[in-house]
N, C-alpha and C. Protein backbone atom coordinates (compact mmCIF):
# COMPACT_ATOMS: atom_id res chain seq x y z
N UNK A 1 39.56 91.29 83.01
CA UNK A 1 39.26 90.55 84.23
C UNK A 1 39.34 89.05 83.96
N UNK A 2 39.63 88.26 84.97
CA UNK A 2 39.72 86.82 84.76
C UNK A 2 38.41 86.25 84.18
N UNK A 3 38.55 85.40 83.17
CA UNK A 3 37.38 84.79 82.56
C UNK A 3 36.74 85.61 81.46
N UNK A 4 37.22 86.82 81.23
CA UNK A 4 36.65 87.68 80.20
C UNK A 4 37.12 87.20 78.82
N UNK A 5 36.28 87.42 77.82
CA UNK A 5 36.63 87.03 76.45
C UNK A 5 37.15 88.21 75.62
N UNK A 6 37.36 89.37 76.25
CA UNK A 6 37.80 90.54 75.50
C UNK A 6 38.71 91.43 76.33
N UNK A 7 39.44 92.26 75.58
CA UNK A 7 40.30 93.28 76.16
C UNK A 7 39.76 94.64 75.71
N UNK A 8 39.99 95.67 76.48
CA UNK A 8 39.67 97.04 76.07
C UNK A 8 40.99 97.77 75.91
N UNK A 9 41.33 98.12 74.67
CA UNK A 9 42.60 98.75 74.35
C UNK A 9 42.40 100.25 74.17
N UNK A 10 43.19 101.05 74.87
CA UNK A 10 43.17 102.50 74.67
C UNK A 10 44.02 102.79 73.43
N UNK A 11 43.38 103.33 72.38
CA UNK A 11 44.10 103.61 71.14
C UNK A 11 44.34 105.11 70.94
N UNK A 12 43.64 105.93 71.69
CA UNK A 12 43.86 107.38 71.64
C UNK A 12 43.31 108.00 72.90
N UNK A 13 44.03 109.01 73.39
CA UNK A 13 43.55 109.75 74.55
C UNK A 13 44.05 111.18 74.45
N UNK A 14 43.14 112.12 74.50
CA UNK A 14 43.46 113.55 74.44
C UNK A 14 42.88 114.22 75.68
N UNK A 15 43.63 115.17 76.22
CA UNK A 15 43.15 115.93 77.38
C UNK A 15 43.37 117.41 77.12
N UNK A 16 42.34 118.20 77.35
CA UNK A 16 42.44 119.66 77.32
C UNK A 16 42.34 120.15 78.75
N UNK A 17 43.37 120.86 79.19
CA UNK A 17 43.37 121.41 80.54
C UNK A 17 42.77 122.81 80.46
N UNK A 18 41.69 123.02 81.21
CA UNK A 18 40.90 124.24 81.10
C UNK A 18 41.23 125.23 82.21
N UNK A 19 41.35 124.75 83.44
CA UNK A 19 41.60 125.61 84.61
C UNK A 19 42.66 124.96 85.49
N UNK A 20 43.34 125.82 86.28
CA UNK A 20 44.34 125.32 87.22
C UNK A 20 43.66 124.49 88.30
N UNK A 21 44.21 123.32 88.55
CA UNK A 21 43.65 122.40 89.55
C UNK A 21 44.52 122.46 90.79
N UNK A 22 43.91 122.75 91.94
CA UNK A 22 44.63 122.84 93.21
C UNK A 22 44.53 121.53 93.97
N UNK A 23 45.57 121.25 94.75
CA UNK A 23 45.52 120.08 95.62
C UNK A 23 44.54 120.36 96.76
N UNK A 24 43.74 119.37 97.07
CA UNK A 24 42.82 119.48 98.20
C UNK A 24 42.46 118.09 98.67
N UNK A 25 41.94 117.99 99.87
CA UNK A 25 41.55 116.69 100.43
C UNK A 25 40.24 116.21 99.82
N UNK A 26 39.29 117.12 99.60
CA UNK A 26 37.98 116.76 99.05
C UNK A 26 38.15 116.26 97.61
N UNK A 27 37.34 115.30 97.25
CA UNK A 27 37.43 114.71 95.91
C UNK A 27 36.86 115.64 94.84
N UNK A 28 37.50 115.59 93.68
CA UNK A 28 36.92 116.20 92.49
C UNK A 28 36.01 115.15 91.86
N UNK A 29 35.23 115.54 90.89
CA UNK A 29 34.29 114.62 90.25
C UNK A 29 34.69 114.41 88.79
N UNK A 30 34.72 113.16 88.37
CA UNK A 30 34.98 112.82 86.97
C UNK A 30 33.67 112.34 86.37
N UNK A 31 33.20 113.05 85.36
CA UNK A 31 31.96 112.69 84.67
C UNK A 31 32.35 112.02 83.35
N UNK A 32 31.94 110.77 83.19
CA UNK A 32 32.31 109.98 82.02
C UNK A 32 31.05 109.53 81.30
N UNK A 33 31.04 109.69 79.97
CA UNK A 33 29.89 109.26 79.18
C UNK A 33 30.35 108.86 77.78
N UNK A 34 29.68 107.87 77.19
CA UNK A 34 29.99 107.52 75.79
C UNK A 34 29.45 108.59 74.86
N UNK A 35 30.25 108.93 73.83
CA UNK A 35 29.80 109.91 72.84
C UNK A 35 29.71 109.32 71.44
N UNK A 36 30.32 108.15 71.23
CA UNK A 36 30.26 107.51 69.92
C UNK A 36 30.50 106.02 70.06
N UNK A 37 29.70 105.24 69.33
CA UNK A 37 29.88 103.79 69.27
C UNK A 37 30.20 103.42 67.84
N UNK A 38 31.30 102.72 67.63
CA UNK A 38 31.68 102.24 66.31
C UNK A 38 31.47 100.74 66.23
N UNK A 39 32.04 100.12 65.21
CA UNK A 39 31.90 98.68 65.07
C UNK A 39 32.58 97.92 66.19
N UNK A 40 33.85 98.25 66.45
CA UNK A 40 34.58 97.60 67.53
C UNK A 40 35.15 98.62 68.51
N UNK A 41 34.73 99.88 68.37
CA UNK A 41 35.29 100.93 69.22
C UNK A 41 34.21 101.76 69.87
N UNK A 42 34.63 102.49 70.89
CA UNK A 42 33.76 103.48 71.52
C UNK A 42 34.62 104.66 71.91
N UNK A 43 34.00 105.84 71.89
CA UNK A 43 34.67 107.05 72.34
C UNK A 43 33.98 107.53 73.60
N UNK A 44 34.78 107.78 74.64
CA UNK A 44 34.27 108.27 75.91
C UNK A 44 34.72 109.71 76.12
N UNK A 45 33.84 110.51 76.69
CA UNK A 45 34.18 111.87 77.06
C UNK A 45 34.25 111.92 78.58
N UNK A 46 35.25 112.64 79.08
CA UNK A 46 35.41 112.78 80.53
C UNK A 46 35.59 114.25 80.87
N UNK A 47 34.92 114.71 81.90
CA UNK A 47 35.11 116.06 82.42
C UNK A 47 35.48 115.96 83.89
N UNK A 48 36.53 116.67 84.28
CA UNK A 48 36.94 116.74 85.68
C UNK A 48 36.45 118.06 86.23
N UNK A 49 35.54 118.00 87.21
CA UNK A 49 34.89 119.21 87.72
C UNK A 49 34.93 119.25 89.24
N UNK A 50 34.71 120.47 89.75
CA UNK A 50 34.51 120.67 91.18
C UNK A 50 33.02 120.45 91.43
N UNK A 51 32.64 119.43 92.22
CA UNK A 51 31.22 119.16 92.42
C UNK A 51 30.51 120.25 93.22
N UNK A 52 31.26 121.10 93.91
CA UNK A 52 30.64 122.15 94.71
C UNK A 52 30.13 123.32 93.87
N UNK A 53 30.91 123.72 92.85
CA UNK A 53 30.49 124.88 92.07
C UNK A 53 30.47 124.65 90.56
N UNK A 54 30.81 123.44 90.12
CA UNK A 54 30.75 123.11 88.70
C UNK A 54 31.94 123.57 87.87
N UNK A 55 32.98 124.11 88.51
CA UNK A 55 34.16 124.55 87.77
C UNK A 55 34.75 123.39 86.97
N UNK A 56 34.96 123.62 85.68
CA UNK A 56 35.54 122.61 84.80
C UNK A 56 37.06 122.78 84.80
N UNK A 57 37.79 121.69 85.09
CA UNK A 57 39.25 121.74 85.13
C UNK A 57 39.88 121.07 83.91
N UNK A 58 39.28 119.99 83.44
CA UNK A 58 39.86 119.28 82.30
C UNK A 58 38.75 118.55 81.56
N UNK A 59 38.99 118.40 80.25
CA UNK A 59 38.05 117.66 79.40
C UNK A 59 38.90 116.67 78.59
N UNK A 60 38.48 115.41 78.59
CA UNK A 60 39.25 114.41 77.87
C UNK A 60 38.40 113.59 76.92
N UNK A 61 39.10 112.95 75.97
CA UNK A 61 38.45 112.06 75.03
C UNK A 61 39.31 110.82 74.93
N UNK A 62 38.67 109.67 75.11
CA UNK A 62 39.38 108.39 75.06
C UNK A 62 38.70 107.49 74.06
N UNK A 63 39.47 106.93 73.14
CA UNK A 63 38.95 105.96 72.19
C UNK A 63 39.44 104.57 72.62
N UNK A 64 38.48 103.68 72.85
CA UNK A 64 38.76 102.31 73.25
C UNK A 64 38.37 101.37 72.12
N UNK A 65 39.16 100.34 71.91
CA UNK A 65 38.82 99.31 70.94
C UNK A 65 38.62 98.00 71.68
N UNK A 66 37.52 97.35 71.39
CA UNK A 66 37.22 96.03 71.92
C UNK A 66 38.03 95.02 71.12
N UNK A 67 38.78 94.17 71.82
CA UNK A 67 39.62 93.19 71.13
C UNK A 67 39.49 91.83 71.80
N UNK A 68 39.68 90.81 71.00
CA UNK A 68 39.73 89.46 71.54
C UNK A 68 41.04 89.27 72.29
N UNK A 69 41.18 88.15 72.96
CA UNK A 69 42.39 87.88 73.73
C UNK A 69 43.63 87.80 72.84
N UNK A 70 43.42 87.67 71.52
CA UNK A 70 44.54 87.66 70.58
C UNK A 70 44.92 89.07 70.12
N UNK A 71 44.20 90.09 70.61
CA UNK A 71 44.49 91.48 70.27
C UNK A 71 43.81 91.98 69.01
N UNK A 72 43.06 91.13 68.33
CA UNK A 72 42.35 91.55 67.12
C UNK A 72 41.02 92.21 67.49
N UNK A 73 40.62 93.25 66.72
CA UNK A 73 39.36 93.92 67.01
C UNK A 73 38.18 92.95 67.06
N UNK A 74 37.28 93.22 67.98
CA UNK A 74 36.11 92.38 68.21
C UNK A 74 34.89 93.29 68.24
N UNK A 75 33.84 92.95 67.53
CA UNK A 75 32.61 93.75 67.51
C UNK A 75 32.14 94.02 68.94
N UNK A 76 31.61 95.22 69.15
CA UNK A 76 31.11 95.57 70.48
C UNK A 76 30.03 94.59 70.96
N UNK A 77 29.21 94.14 70.05
CA UNK A 77 28.15 93.20 70.40
C UNK A 77 26.86 93.91 70.78
N UNK A 78 25.77 93.22 70.56
CA UNK A 78 24.45 93.79 70.80
C UNK A 78 24.23 94.18 72.25
N UNK A 79 24.68 93.36 73.19
CA UNK A 79 24.44 93.64 74.61
C UNK A 79 25.17 94.91 75.06
N UNK A 80 26.42 95.07 74.63
CA UNK A 80 27.17 96.27 74.98
C UNK A 80 26.51 97.51 74.40
N UNK A 81 26.08 97.43 73.13
CA UNK A 81 25.38 98.56 72.50
C UNK A 81 24.08 98.88 73.24
N UNK A 82 23.34 97.84 73.59
CA UNK A 82 22.07 98.01 74.30
C UNK A 82 22.27 98.75 75.62
N UNK A 83 23.36 98.43 76.31
CA UNK A 83 23.64 99.06 77.60
C UNK A 83 24.16 100.48 77.46
N UNK A 84 24.91 100.78 76.40
CA UNK A 84 25.53 102.09 76.25
C UNK A 84 24.69 103.12 75.52
N UNK A 85 23.90 102.69 74.53
CA UNK A 85 23.15 103.64 73.71
C UNK A 85 22.28 104.62 74.49
N UNK A 86 21.58 104.20 75.55
CA UNK A 86 20.76 105.17 76.30
C UNK A 86 21.60 106.25 76.98
N UNK A 87 22.91 106.06 77.10
CA UNK A 87 23.76 107.01 77.80
C UNK A 87 24.58 107.89 76.86
N UNK A 88 24.41 107.72 75.54
CA UNK A 88 25.16 108.52 74.58
C UNK A 88 24.83 110.00 74.75
N UNK A 89 25.88 110.83 74.71
CA UNK A 89 25.68 112.28 74.78
C UNK A 89 26.27 112.91 73.52
N UNK A 90 25.75 114.06 73.17
CA UNK A 90 26.21 114.74 71.97
C UNK A 90 27.39 115.63 72.21
């Protein structure tokens, strides 16, 4: 975003497709949570589900690296850790 001192780089992304997903007008739900915090990286888990019955359609894992505007890794920082740690899931 304009004025930001960092970039978030996607360095890995894996998706496991669990069930067939049908087209529909109603929205599906994406549940996203941090599962690991590293020095300059974080791993997020995402599940795509039907909010009506809980059917799981896909599960993903994304590894993001915090980088300065020059593209070099940048420590997550205390504030980012403070905000994310209470939301870590196993």
